[in-house]
């Protein structure tokens, strides 16, 4: 599956890879932010993986990827904290 148009030169290939990495950085930030409220057991690890992949590919949105990484870790910490308080795998308000 290809997310963007095929690259014809090496410069196009780098630009396409960087654009995909920028999209992963933004997606990790959004998923990490949403994961603080709902489905943190799923969205936290996804945000961490996307942020790691974006940083590894050399995104120009490095700050957003780092925020996504931090929010993904915070998702898991919130889950652990509520699991300790409720003694369950899920939590509600």
Protein backbone atom coordinates (compact mmCIF):
# COMPACT_ATOMS: atom_id res chain seq x y z
CA UNK A 1 0.00 0.00 0.00
CA UNK A 2 1.37 3.37 -0.99
CA UNK A 3 0.22 6.49 0.81
CA UNK A 4 1.67 9.04 -1.59
CA UNK A 5 2.45 9.32 -5.28
CA UNK A 6 5.45 7.31 -6.46
CA UNK A 7 8.75 9.21 -6.41
CA UNK A 8 10.70 9.62 -9.61
CA UNK A 9 14.00 11.00 -8.30
CA UNK A 10 16.04 10.70 -5.13
CA UNK A 11 14.99 14.22 -4.09
CA UNK A 12 11.32 13.33 -4.54
CA UNK A 13 11.87 10.17 -2.52
CA UNK A 14 13.36 12.14 0.40
CA UNK A 15 10.54 14.70 0.29
CA UNK A 16 7.92 11.95 0.24
CA UNK A 17 9.52 10.14 3.17
CA UNK A 18 9.78 13.36 5.15
CA UNK A 19 6.13 14.20 4.43
CA UNK A 20 5.09 10.74 5.65
CA UNK A 21 7.22 11.22 8.78
CA UNK A 22 5.58 14.60 9.41
CA UNK A 23 2.16 12.96 9.16
CA UNK A 24 3.23 10.29 11.64
CA UNK A 25 4.42 12.98 14.06
CA UNK A 26 1.07 14.77 13.90
CA UNK A 27 -0.85 11.50 14.21
CA UNK A 28 1.16 10.47 17.28
CA UNK A 29 0.41 13.83 18.93
CA UNK A 30 -3.32 13.57 18.24
CA UNK A 31 -3.58 9.92 19.30
CA UNK A 32 -1.61 10.62 22.47
CA UNK A 33 -3.86 13.55 23.30
CA UNK A 34 -7.08 11.61 22.69
CA UNK A 35 -5.63 8.63 24.54
CA UNK A 36 -5.54 10.61 27.78
CA UNK A 37 -9.34 10.51 27.76
CA UNK A 38 -10.37 7.26 26.06
CA UNK A 39 -8.83 3.94 24.98
CA UNK A 40 -5.44 4.72 26.48
CA UNK A 41 -4.50 1.04 26.50
CA UNK A 42 -4.58 1.09 22.67
CA UNK A 43 -3.83 4.68 21.73
CA UNK A 44 -0.82 5.08 24.05
CA UNK A 45 1.34 2.37 22.44
CA UNK A 46 0.27 3.45 18.94
CA UNK A 47 1.28 7.05 19.71
CA UNK A 48 4.65 5.86 21.03
CA UNK A 49 5.29 3.71 17.94
CA UNK A 50 4.31 6.48 15.51
CA UNK A 51 6.45 9.04 17.32
CA UNK A 52 9.43 6.68 17.30
CA UNK A 53 9.01 5.98 13.59
CA UNK A 54 8.68 9.70 12.81
CA UNK A 55 11.81 10.54 14.77
CA UNK A 56 13.72 7.67 13.16
CA UNK A 57 12.72 8.87 9.67
CA UNK A 58 13.86 12.42 10.41
CA UNK A 59 10.67 14.42 10.64
CA UNK A 60 10.77 18.19 10.44
CA UNK A 61 8.12 18.29 13.17
CA UNK A 62 10.44 16.95 15.82
CA UNK A 63 8.71 18.81 18.66
CA UNK A 64 5.33 17.40 17.74
CA UNK A 65 6.79 13.89 17.60
CA UNK A 66 8.37 14.33 21.03
CA UNK A 67 5.04 15.60 22.40
CA UNK A 68 3.34 12.54 20.90
CA UNK A 69 5.93 10.32 22.55
CA UNK A 70 5.43 12.03 25.90
CA UNK A 71 1.65 11.87 25.65
CA UNK A 72 1.80 8.17 24.70
CA UNK A 73 3.87 7.47 27.80
CA UNK A 74 1.47 9.61 29.86
CA UNK A 75 -1.43 7.53 28.50
CA UNK A 76 0.13 4.39 29.89
CA UNK A 77 0.95 6.05 33.21
CA UNK A 78 -2.66 7.24 33.55
CA UNK A 79 -3.84 3.71 32.80
CA UNK A 80 -1.54 2.24 35.45
CA UNK A 81 -2.60 4.85 38.01
CA UNK A 82 -6.31 4.19 37.47
CA UNK A 83 -5.75 0.44 37.44
CA UNK A 84 -4.13 0.74 40.86
CA UNK A 85 -7.01 2.85 42.20
CA UNK A 86 -9.85 0.75 40.75
CA UNK A 87 -8.15 -2.67 40.68
CA UNK A 88 -9.48 -3.14 37.13
CA UNK A 89 -8.07 -2.95 33.62
CA UNK A 90 -10.45 -0.15 32.62
CA UNK A 91 -11.54 3.00 34.34
CA UNK A 92 -14.56 5.29 34.30
CA UNK A 93 -15.40 8.71 35.67
